[in-house]
Amino acid sequence: MNKTVTIFGSSLPKPGDEEYEQAYRLGKYLGKVGINVCSGGYQGIMDAVSKGAVESGAKAIGVTVDIFGAVQSKYLSEEIVTNSLFERLGKLMEIGDAYIVLPGGTGTMLELTLVWENMNKNLLHEKPFACVGKFWKNIITEMEQRIIFEKRKVGLIKPFENINDCADFIIKSWDNL
């Protein structure tokens, strides 16, 4: 059975935008090694990773919720429709054998912190968890200082500057399990 990486990121980037193209390359990279992707199932980064994965022969799962009135990605292999935002977030965590956070706003930050907190409280088994970009790296660095102060577990999320290093970390993490 293939592994699945849940990928979080903005719905705003369009084809041709650097964030979209980066997500597309990530989906393609993961798909080439037989890893499926899961996302929120709509446009932007979600569409891009789905497109890359499907073009490489992998599966793209989209977890949607009807409250947004948004257009789902046409690249989905499977759509899972949920009834609420909280059900959607739970399903995104449940499906992922690993998690990658790409550029995004408050929704993406919610997803990042939800996974992080659930792992830190042992409500979710530790799984490979990474983010890409200076923005997330700065947030992770600051939060890790607070986590040290609170004597909680550090190192649950690994920041990267580029998608290839991030994807390699996820893949190698599974080899070490």
N, C-alpha and C. Protein backbone atom coordinates (compact mmCIF):
# COMPACT_ATOMS: atom_id res chain seq x y z
N MET A 1 0.84 -1.19 0.00
CA MET A 1 0.00 0.00 0.00
C MET A 1 0.89 1.25 0.00
N ASN A 2 0.58 2.17 -0.88
CA ASN A 2 1.38 3.40 -1.00
C ASN A 2 1.16 4.32 0.19
N LYS A 3 2.21 5.05 0.54
CA LYS A 3 2.12 6.08 1.57
C LYS A 3 1.45 7.31 0.97
N THR A 4 0.89 8.13 1.86
CA THR A 4 0.24 9.37 1.45
C THR A 4 0.77 10.53 2.28
N VAL A 5 1.12 11.61 1.61
CA VAL A 5 1.54 12.84 2.28
C VAL A 5 0.41 13.85 2.17
N THR A 6 -0.04 14.35 3.31
CA THR A 6 -1.01 15.44 3.32
C THR A 6 -0.23 16.74 3.19
N ILE A 7 -0.64 17.54 2.22
CA ILE A 7 0.06 18.79 1.93
C ILE A 7 -0.90 19.95 2.16
N PHE A 8 -0.44 20.90 2.96
CA PHE A 8 -1.22 22.09 3.29
C PHE A 8 -0.61 23.30 2.59
N GLY A 9 -1.46 24.21 2.13
CA GLY A 9 -0.97 25.43 1.50
C GLY A 9 -2.10 26.29 0.98
N SER A 10 -1.75 27.44 0.50
CA SER A 10 -2.68 28.46 0.05
C SER A 10 -3.52 28.03 -1.15
N SER A 11 -4.75 28.52 -1.19
CA SER A 11 -5.62 28.28 -2.34
C SER A 11 -5.47 29.36 -3.41
N LEU A 12 -4.61 30.35 -3.18
CA LEU A 12 -4.55 31.51 -4.07
C LEU A 12 -3.58 31.41 -5.25
N PRO A 13 -2.42 30.74 -5.14
CA PRO A 13 -1.51 30.73 -6.29
C PRO A 13 -2.14 30.15 -7.56
N LYS A 14 -1.76 30.74 -8.67
CA LYS A 14 -2.26 30.32 -9.98
C LYS A 14 -1.13 29.69 -10.78
N PRO A 15 -1.46 28.88 -11.80
CA PRO A 15 -0.39 28.35 -12.66
C PRO A 15 0.51 29.47 -13.15
N GLY A 16 1.80 29.22 -13.07
CA GLY A 16 2.79 30.23 -13.44
C GLY A 16 3.37 30.95 -12.24
N ASP A 17 2.62 31.05 -11.14
CA ASP A 17 3.14 31.65 -9.91
C ASP A 17 4.18 30.70 -9.31
N GLU A 18 5.21 31.25 -8.69
CA GLU A 18 6.27 30.43 -8.11
C GLU A 18 5.73 29.43 -7.08
N GLU A 19 4.81 29.86 -6.23
CA GLU A 19 4.27 28.95 -5.21
C GLU A 19 3.50 27.79 -5.85
N TYR A 20 2.77 28.08 -6.91
CA TYR A 20 2.04 27.02 -7.62
C TYR A 20 3.03 26.04 -8.25
N GLU A 21 4.01 26.58 -8.94
CA GLU A 21 4.97 25.73 -9.64
C GLU A 21 5.80 24.89 -8.66
N GLN A 22 6.13 25.46 -7.52
CA GLN A 22 6.86 24.72 -6.48
C GLN A 22 6.01 23.54 -5.99
N ALA A 23 4.73 23.78 -5.76
CA ALA A 23 3.83 22.72 -5.30
C ALA A 23 3.65 21.65 -6.38
N TYR A 24 3.57 22.09 -7.62
CA TYR A 24 3.46 21.15 -8.74
C TYR A 24 4.70 20.24 -8.78
N ARG A 25 5.88 20.83 -8.66
CA ARG A 25 7.12 20.03 -8.66
C ARG A 25 7.15 19.06 -7.49
N LEU A 26 6.65 19.47 -6.33
CA LEU A 26 6.60 18.59 -5.18
C LEU A 26 5.68 17.40 -5.45
N GLY A 27 4.50 17.66 -5.97
CA GLY A 27 3.57 16.58 -6.29
C GLY A 27 4.16 15.61 -7.30
N LYS A 28 4.84 16.15 -8.29
CA LYS A 28 5.49 15.33 -9.32
C LYS A 28 6.61 14.49 -8.71
N TYR A 29 7.41 15.10 -7.87
CA TYR A 29 8.54 14.41 -7.20
C TYR A 29 8.03 13.25 -6.35
N LEU A 30 7.01 13.53 -5.53
CA LEU A 30 6.45 12.49 -4.68
C LEU A 30 5.79 11.39 -5.53
N GLY A 31 5.06 11.80 -6.54
CA GLY A 31 4.38 10.83 -7.40
C GLY A 31 5.34 9.89 -8.11
N LYS A 32 6.48 10.40 -8.52
CA LYS A 32 7.47 9.58 -9.23
C LYS A 32 8.01 8.44 -8.38
N VAL A 33 8.00 8.62 -7.06
CA VAL A 33 8.47 7.55 -6.17
C VAL A 33 7.30 6.78 -5.56
N GLY A 34 6.11 6.97 -6.12
CA GLY A 34 4.95 6.19 -5.71
C GLY A 34 4.24 6.67 -4.46
N ILE A 35 4.42 7.94 -4.11
CA ILE A 35 3.76 8.49 -2.93
C ILE A 35 2.54 9.29 -3.38
N ASN A 36 1.39 8.97 -2.78
CA ASN A 36 0.16 9.70 -3.05
C ASN A 36 0.14 11.01 -2.28
N VAL A 37 -0.70 11.94 -2.74
CA VAL A 37 -0.86 13.20 -2.03
C VAL A 37 -2.31 13.37 -1.60
N CYS A 38 -2.47 14.09 -0.51
CA CYS A 38 -3.79 14.46 -0.01
C CYS A 38 -3.75 15.95 0.25
N SER A 39 -4.83 16.64 -0.06
CA SER A 39 -4.89 18.08 0.18
C SER A 39 -6.34 18.44 0.44
N GLY A 40 -6.56 19.74 0.63
CA GLY A 40 -7.92 20.23 0.81
C GLY A 40 -8.77 20.18 -0.43
N GLY A 41 -8.16 19.83 -1.58
CA GLY A 41 -8.92 19.51 -2.78
C GLY A 41 -9.37 20.66 -3.66
N TYR A 42 -8.94 21.87 -3.35
CA TYR A 42 -9.40 22.99 -4.16
C TYR A 42 -8.28 23.52 -5.06
N GLN A 43 -8.23 24.82 -5.26
CA GLN A 43 -7.28 25.43 -6.21
C GLN A 43 -5.96 25.78 -5.52
N GLY A 44 -5.12 26.50 -6.22
CA GLY A 44 -3.84 26.94 -5.67
C GLY A 44 -2.89 25.78 -5.45
N ILE A 45 -2.26 25.76 -4.29
CA ILE A 45 -1.28 24.74 -3.97
C ILE A 45 -1.91 23.35 -3.98
N MET A 46 -3.16 23.27 -3.56
CA MET A 46 -3.87 21.98 -3.55
C MET A 46 -4.00 21.42 -4.97
N ASP A 47 -4.36 22.27 -5.90
CA ASP A 47 -4.49 21.89 -7.30
C ASP A 47 -3.13 21.49 -7.88
N ALA A 48 -2.12 22.28 -7.56
CA ALA A 48 -0.78 22.05 -8.11
C ALA A 48 -0.19 20.71 -7.67
N VAL A 49 -0.26 20.39 -6.37
CA VAL A 49 0.31 19.11 -5.92
C VAL A 49 -0.49 17.94 -6.48
N SER A 50 -1.79 18.12 -6.61
CA SER A 50 -2.63 17.07 -7.19
C SER A 50 -2.26 16.83 -8.64
N LYS A 51 -2.09 17.90 -9.39
CA LYS A 51 -1.71 17.80 -10.80
C LYS A 51 -0.37 17.07 -10.94
N GLY A 52 0.63 17.48 -10.17
CA GLY A 52 1.94 16.86 -10.25
C GLY A 52 1.90 15.38 -9.91
N ALA A 53 1.18 15.04 -8.86
CA ALA A 53 1.11 13.64 -8.43
C ALA A 53 0.42 12.77 -9.48
N VAL A 54 -0.73 13.23 -9.98
CA VAL A 54 -1.49 12.45 -10.95
C VAL A 54 -0.70 12.29 -12.25
N GLU A 55 -0.04 13.34 -12.69
CA GLU A 55 0.76 13.25 -13.91
C GLU A 55 1.91 12.25 -13.76
N SER A 56 2.31 11.98 -12.53
CA SER A 56 3.39 11.02 -12.27
C SER A 56 2.87 9.63 -11.94
N GLY A 57 1.56 9.43 -12.03
CA GLY A 57 0.98 8.11 -11.80
C GLY A 57 0.55 7.82 -10.38
N ALA A 58 0.60 8.82 -9.50
CA ALA A 58 0.16 8.64 -8.12
C ALA A 58 -1.29 9.11 -7.99
N LYS A 59 -1.82 8.92 -6.82
CA LYS A 59 -3.19 9.28 -6.51
C LYS A 59 -3.22 10.65 -5.82
N ALA A 60 -4.25 11.43 -6.11
CA ALA A 60 -4.46 12.73 -5.46
C ALA A 60 -5.83 12.71 -4.78
N ILE A 61 -5.80 12.76 -3.46
CA ILE A 61 -7.03 12.75 -2.67
C ILE A 61 -7.33 14.17 -2.24
N GLY A 62 -8.57 14.59 -2.41
CA GLY A 62 -9.00 15.91 -1.96
C GLY A 62 -10.06 15.77 -0.89
N VAL A 63 -9.86 16.45 0.23
CA VAL A 63 -10.84 16.44 1.33
C VAL A 63 -11.52 17.80 1.31
N THR A 64 -12.76 17.82 0.89
CA THR A 64 -13.47 19.08 0.69
C THR A 64 -14.59 19.25 1.72
N VAL A 65 -15.05 20.48 1.82
CA VAL A 65 -16.20 20.81 2.66
C VAL A 65 -17.02 21.84 1.89
N ASP A 66 -18.30 21.63 1.81
CA ASP A 66 -19.15 22.43 0.94
C ASP A 66 -19.32 23.88 1.36
N ILE A 67 -18.89 24.25 2.55
CA ILE A 67 -19.13 25.62 3.03
C ILE A 67 -18.37 26.69 2.26
N PHE A 68 -17.31 26.31 1.57
CA PHE A 68 -16.48 27.31 0.89
C PHE A 68 -17.05 27.76 -0.44
N GLY A 69 -17.84 26.93 -1.10
CA GLY A 69 -18.35 27.26 -2.42
C GLY A 69 -17.22 27.40 -3.44
N ALA A 70 -16.10 26.74 -3.18
CA ALA A 70 -14.92 26.83 -4.04
C ALA A 70 -14.95 25.74 -5.11
N VAL A 71 -14.16 25.93 -6.14
CA VAL A 71 -14.06 24.96 -7.22
C VAL A 71 -12.99 23.93 -6.88
N GLN A 72 -13.37 22.66 -6.92
CA GLN A 72 -12.40 21.62 -6.60
C GLN A 72 -11.40 21.45 -7.75
N SER A 73 -10.26 20.90 -7.41
CA SER A 73 -9.24 20.62 -8.41
C SER A 73 -9.74 19.56 -9.39
N LYS A 74 -9.45 19.77 -10.65
CA LYS A 74 -9.85 18.78 -11.66
C LYS A 74 -8.89 17.58 -11.70
N TYR A 75 -7.84 17.62 -10.91
CA TYR A 75 -6.84 16.57 -10.92
C TYR A 75 -7.05 15.52 -9.82
N LEU A 76 -8.11 15.64 -9.05
CA LEU A 76 -8.33 14.70 -7.96
C LEU A 76 -8.65 13.30 -8.49
N SER A 77 -8.03 12.30 -7.88
CA SER A 77 -8.35 10.91 -8.16
C SER A 77 -9.53 10.48 -7.30
N GLU A 78 -9.64 11.12 -6.14
CA GLU A 78 -10.69 10.79 -5.18
C GLU A 78 -11.04 12.05 -4.39
N GLU A 79 -12.33 12.27 -4.19
CA GLU A 79 -12.79 13.38 -3.36
C GLU A 79 -13.51 12.80 -2.14
N ILE A 80 -13.15 13.29 -0.99
CA ILE A 80 -13.85 12.93 0.25
C ILE A 80 -14.55 14.20 0.72
N VAL A 81 -15.87 14.17 0.72
CA VAL A 81 -16.65 15.34 1.10
C VAL A 81 -16.96 15.25 2.60
N THR A 82 -16.64 16.32 3.31
CA THR A 82 -16.91 16.37 4.75
C THR A 82 -18.01 17.39 5.03
N ASN A 83 -18.56 17.34 6.23
CA ASN A 83 -19.69 18.20 6.59
C ASN A 83 -19.31 19.48 7.31
N SER A 84 -18.08 19.55 7.80
CA SER A 84 -17.66 20.74 8.54
C SER A 84 -16.16 20.94 8.40
N LEU A 85 -15.71 22.12 8.74
CA LEU A 85 -14.28 22.42 8.70
C LEU A 85 -13.52 21.50 9.65
N PHE A 86 -14.07 21.25 10.82
CA PHE A 86 -13.38 20.42 11.80
C PHE A 86 -13.29 18.96 11.35
N GLU A 87 -14.34 18.47 10.71
CA GLU A 87 -14.29 17.11 10.16
C GLU A 87 -13.24 17.05 9.05
N ARG A 88 -13.19 18.07 8.23
CA ARG A 88 -12.20 18.14 7.15
C ARG A 88 -10.78 18.10 7.71
N LEU A 89 -10.52 18.92 8.71
CA LEU A 89 -9.18 18.95 9.32
C LEU A 89 -8.81 17.59 9.91
N GLY A 90 -9.75 16.96 10.58
CA GLY A 90 -9.50 15.64 11.14
C GLY A 90 -9.19 14.61 10.08
N LYS A 91 -9.90 14.66 8.98
CA LYS A 91 -9.69 13.70 7.88
C LYS A 91 -8.34 13.94 7.22
N LEU A 92 -7.94 15.20 7.04
CA LEU A 92 -6.64 15.50 6.46
C LEU A 92 -5.51 14.94 7.33
N MET A 93 -5.68 15.04 8.65
CA MET A 93 -4.66 14.47 9.55
C MET A 93 -4.69 12.95 9.50
N GLU A 94 -5.87 12.38 9.49
CA GLU A 94 -6.02 10.92 9.51
C GLU A 94 -5.40 10.26 8.27
N ILE A 95 -5.60 10.84 7.12
CA ILE A 95 -5.13 10.25 5.87
C ILE A 95 -3.62 10.31 5.74
N GLY A 96 -3.01 11.37 6.25
CA GLY A 96 -1.58 11.58 6.06
C GLY A 96 -0.71 10.60 6.83
N ASP A 97 0.23 10.00 6.10
CA ASP A 97 1.31 9.23 6.73
C ASP A 97 2.47 10.18 7.05
N ALA A 98 2.38 11.39 6.51
CA ALA A 98 3.35 12.46 6.73
C ALA A 98 2.65 13.75 6.33
N TYR A 99 3.27 14.88 6.70
CA TYR A 99 2.67 16.18 6.42
C TYR A 99 3.73 17.15 5.91
N ILE A 100 3.34 17.94 4.90
CA ILE A 100 4.19 19.00 4.39
C ILE A 100 3.37 20.28 4.35
N VAL A 101 3.95 21.35 4.88
CA VAL A 101 3.29 22.66 4.89
C VAL A 101 4.03 23.57 3.92
N LEU A 102 3.31 24.06 2.92
CA LEU A 102 3.84 24.99 1.94
C LEU A 102 3.31 26.39 2.26
N PRO A 103 3.69 27.40 1.50
CA PRO A 103 3.24 28.76 1.81
C PRO A 103 1.71 28.88 1.90
N GLY A 104 1.27 29.68 2.84
CA GLY A 104 -0.16 29.89 3.02
C GLY A 104 -0.41 30.94 4.08
N GLY A 105 -1.67 31.18 4.36
CA GLY A 105 -2.06 32.19 5.33
C GLY A 105 -2.57 31.56 6.62
N THR A 106 -3.61 32.17 7.18
CA THR A 106 -4.10 31.72 8.48
C THR A 106 -4.68 30.31 8.44
N GLY A 107 -5.32 29.93 7.34
CA GLY A 107 -5.84 28.57 7.23
C GLY A 107 -4.73 27.55 7.26
N THR A 108 -3.66 27.84 6.55
CA THR A 108 -2.50 26.94 6.54
C THR A 108 -1.83 26.93 7.91
N MET A 109 -1.78 28.08 8.56
CA MET A 109 -1.21 28.12 9.91
C MET A 109 -2.05 27.29 10.87
N LEU A 110 -3.36 27.34 10.72
CA LEU A 110 -4.24 26.51 11.55
C LEU A 110 -3.92 25.03 11.35
N GLU A 111 -3.74 24.64 10.11
CA GLU A 111 -3.43 23.23 9.81
C GLU A 111 -2.09 22.83 10.41
N LEU A 112 -1.09 23.68 10.23
CA LEU A 112 0.23 23.41 10.80
C LEU A 112 0.15 23.25 12.31
N THR A 113 -0.48 24.20 12.98
CA THR A 113 -0.52 24.15 14.44
C THR A 113 -1.41 23.03 14.96
N LEU A 114 -2.44 22.66 14.22
CA LEU A 114 -3.30 21.56 14.63
C LEU A 114 -2.53 20.23 14.62
N VAL A 115 -1.80 19.98 13.54
CA VAL A 115 -0.99 18.76 13.47
C VAL A 115 0.08 18.80 14.56
N TRP A 116 0.76 19.92 14.69
CA TRP A 116 1.84 20.07 15.66
C TRP A 116 1.34 19.82 17.09
N GLU A 117 0.23 20.45 17.44
CA GLU A 117 -0.31 20.32 18.79
C GLU A 117 -0.80 18.90 19.07
N ASN A 118 -1.44 18.29 18.09
CA ASN A 118 -1.90 16.92 18.27
C ASN A 118 -0.75 15.95 18.47
N MET A 119 0.35 16.17 17.76
CA MET A 119 1.54 15.33 17.98
C MET A 119 2.15 15.62 19.34
N ASN A 120 2.22 16.89 19.70
CA ASN A 120 2.84 17.26 20.97
C ASN A 120 2.05 16.73 22.16
N LYS A 121 0.77 16.61 22.03
CA LYS A 121 -0.08 16.11 23.11
C LYS A 121 -0.32 14.60 22.99
N ASN A 122 0.38 13.95 22.06
CA ASN A 122 0.24 12.50 21.82
C ASN A 122 -1.18 12.09 21.44
N LEU A 123 -1.92 13.00 20.81
CA LEU A 123 -3.24 12.68 20.29
C LEU A 123 -3.14 12.16 18.86
N LEU A 124 -1.98 12.34 18.28
CA LEU A 124 -1.67 11.87 16.94
C LEU A 124 -0.27 11.28 17.02
N HIS A 125 -0.11 10.07 16.48
CA HIS A 125 1.22 9.46 16.49
C HIS A 125 2.19 10.35 15.73
N GLU A 126 3.42 10.40 16.20
CA GLU A 126 4.43 11.17 15.50
C GLU A 126 4.63 10.60 14.09
N LYS A 127 4.62 11.51 13.14
CA LYS A 127 4.82 11.16 11.74
C LYS A 127 5.77 12.19 11.15
N PRO A 128 6.42 11.87 10.05
CA PRO A 128 7.27 12.88 9.41
C PRO A 128 6.46 14.15 9.12
N PHE A 129 7.03 15.30 9.48
CA PHE A 129 6.32 16.57 9.42
C PHE A 129 7.31 17.65 9.05
N ALA A 130 7.05 18.36 7.96
CA ALA A 130 8.01 19.34 7.46
C ALA A 130 7.29 20.55 6.87
N CYS A 131 8.02 21.65 6.77
CA CYS A 131 7.50 22.85 6.13
C CYS A 131 8.58 23.42 5.22
N VAL A 132 8.14 24.22 4.27
CA VAL A 132 9.06 24.80 3.30
C VAL A 132 8.93 26.32 3.31
N GLY A 133 10.07 26.99 3.45
CA GLY A 133 10.10 28.43 3.32
C GLY A 133 10.57 29.15 4.58
N LYS A 134 11.14 30.31 4.36
CA LYS A 134 11.68 31.13 5.44
C LYS A 134 10.59 31.55 6.42
N PHE A 135 9.41 31.87 5.92
CA PHE A 135 8.30 32.29 6.78
C PHE A 135 8.01 31.24 7.85
N TRP A 136 7.83 29.98 7.42
CA TRP A 136 7.54 28.91 8.38
C TRP A 136 8.75 28.64 9.27
N LYS A 137 9.94 28.70 8.70
CA LYS A 137 11.14 28.46 9.50
C LYS A 137 11.22 29.45 10.67
N ASN A 138 10.92 30.72 10.42
CA ASN A 138 10.94 31.73 11.48
C ASN A 138 9.91 31.42 12.57
N ILE A 139 8.73 31.02 12.15
CA ILE A 139 7.68 30.68 13.13
C ILE A 139 8.09 29.45 13.94
N ILE A 140 8.60 28.43 13.27
CA ILE A 140 9.02 27.20 13.96
C ILE A 140 10.12 27.51 14.97
N THR A 141 11.09 28.29 14.55
CA THR A 141 12.21 28.64 15.44
C THR A 141 11.71 29.35 16.70
N GLU A 142 10.83 30.32 16.53
CA GLU A 142 10.29 31.04 17.68
C GLU A 142 9.46 30.13 18.58
N MET A 143 8.61 29.31 17.99
CA MET A 143 7.76 28.42 18.79
C MET A 143 8.58 27.36 19.52
N GLU A 144 9.63 26.88 18.89
CA GLU A 144 10.47 25.87 19.54
C GLU A 144 11.08 26.43 20.83
N GLN A 145 11.41 27.72 20.84
CA GLN A 145 11.95 28.34 22.06
C GLN A 145 10.91 28.29 23.18
N ARG A 146 9.68 28.56 22.84
CA ARG A 146 8.60 28.49 23.84
C ARG A 146 8.38 27.05 24.29
N ILE A 147 8.44 26.12 23.35
CA ILE A 147 8.23 24.71 23.68
C ILE A 147 9.34 24.21 24.62
N ILE A 148 10.56 24.66 24.39
CA ILE A 148 11.67 24.32 25.30
C ILE A 148 11.36 24.86 26.69
N PHE A 149 10.93 26.11 26.77
CA PHE A 149 10.58 26.73 28.04
C PHE A 149 9.49 25.93 28.76
N GLU A 150 8.52 25.43 27.99
CA GLU A 150 7.41 24.67 28.58
C GLU A 150 7.77 23.20 28.83
N LYS A 151 9.01 22.84 28.49
CA LYS A 151 9.50 21.47 28.67
C LYS A 151 8.64 20.44 27.94
N ARG A 152 8.30 20.79 26.71
CA ARG A 152 7.56 19.88 25.84
C ARG A 152 8.49 19.39 24.75
N LYS A 153 8.02 18.51 23.93
CA LYS A 153 8.86 17.87 22.92
C LYS A 153 9.14 18.82 21.76
N VAL A 154 10.42 18.97 21.44
CA VAL A 154 10.84 19.80 20.31
C VAL A 154 11.21 18.90 19.14
N GLY A 155 11.35 19.51 17.98
CA GLY A 155 11.80 18.78 16.80
C GLY A 155 10.73 17.99 16.08
N LEU A 156 9.46 18.26 16.35
CA LEU A 156 8.39 17.53 15.69
C LEU A 156 8.19 17.96 14.24
N ILE A 157 8.54 19.20 13.95
CA ILE A 157 8.41 19.72 12.58
C ILE A 157 9.77 20.24 12.13
N LYS A 158 10.14 19.87 10.90
CA LYS A 158 11.46 20.23 10.37
C LYS A 158 11.28 21.23 9.23
N PRO A 159 11.90 22.41 9.35
CA PRO A 159 11.81 23.40 8.27
C PRO A 159 12.87 23.19 7.18
N PHE A 160 12.48 23.48 5.95
CA PHE A 160 13.38 23.37 4.80
C PHE A 160 13.25 24.60 3.92
N GLU A 161 14.32 24.85 3.17
CA GLU A 161 14.32 25.97 2.24
C GLU A 161 13.80 25.56 0.86
N ASN A 162 13.91 24.28 0.51
CA ASN A 162 13.45 23.87 -0.83
C ASN A 162 12.69 22.55 -0.77
N ILE A 163 11.88 22.33 -1.79
CA ILE A 163 10.97 21.18 -1.80
C ILE A 163 11.69 19.85 -1.94
N ASN A 164 12.79 19.80 -2.67
CA ASN A 164 13.49 18.51 -2.84
C ASN A 164 14.04 18.01 -1.51
N ASP A 165 14.68 18.90 -0.75
CA ASP A 165 15.19 18.51 0.56
C ASP A 165 14.06 18.08 1.48
N CYS A 166 12.95 18.79 1.40
CA CYS A 166 11.78 18.47 2.21
C CYS A 166 11.25 17.08 1.85
N ALA A 167 11.05 16.83 0.57
CA ALA A 167 10.54 15.52 0.12
C ALA A 167 11.51 14.40 0.49
N ASP A 168 12.80 14.65 0.32
CA ASP A 168 13.79 13.63 0.69
C ASP A 168 13.74 13.31 2.18
N PHE A 169 13.53 14.33 3.01
CA PHE A 169 13.40 14.12 4.45
C PHE A 169 12.21 13.20 4.75
N ILE A 170 11.08 13.46 4.11
CA ILE A 170 9.88 12.64 4.34
C ILE A 170 10.16 11.20 3.93
N ILE A 171 10.70 11.01 2.75
CA ILE A 171 10.97 9.66 2.23
C ILE A 171 11.96 8.92 3.12
N LYS A 172 13.04 9.58 3.49
CA LYS A 172 14.05 8.94 4.35
C LYS A 172 13.52 8.66 5.75
N SER A 173 12.59 9.48 6.23
CA SER A 173 12.00 9.24 7.55
C SER A 173 11.28 7.90 7.58
N TRP A 174 10.61 7.56 6.50
CA TRP A 174 9.91 6.27 6.44
C TRP A 174 10.90 5.12 6.41
N ASP A 175 12.04 5.33 5.77
CA ASP A 175 13.07 4.28 5.72
C ASP A 175 13.60 3.98 7.12
N ASN A 176 13.57 5.00 8.00
CA ASN A 176 14.12 4.84 9.35
C ASN A 176 13.11 4.31 10.36
N LEU A 177 11.86 4.15 9.95
CA LEU A 177 10.83 3.68 10.89
C LEU A 177 10.85 2.17 11.03
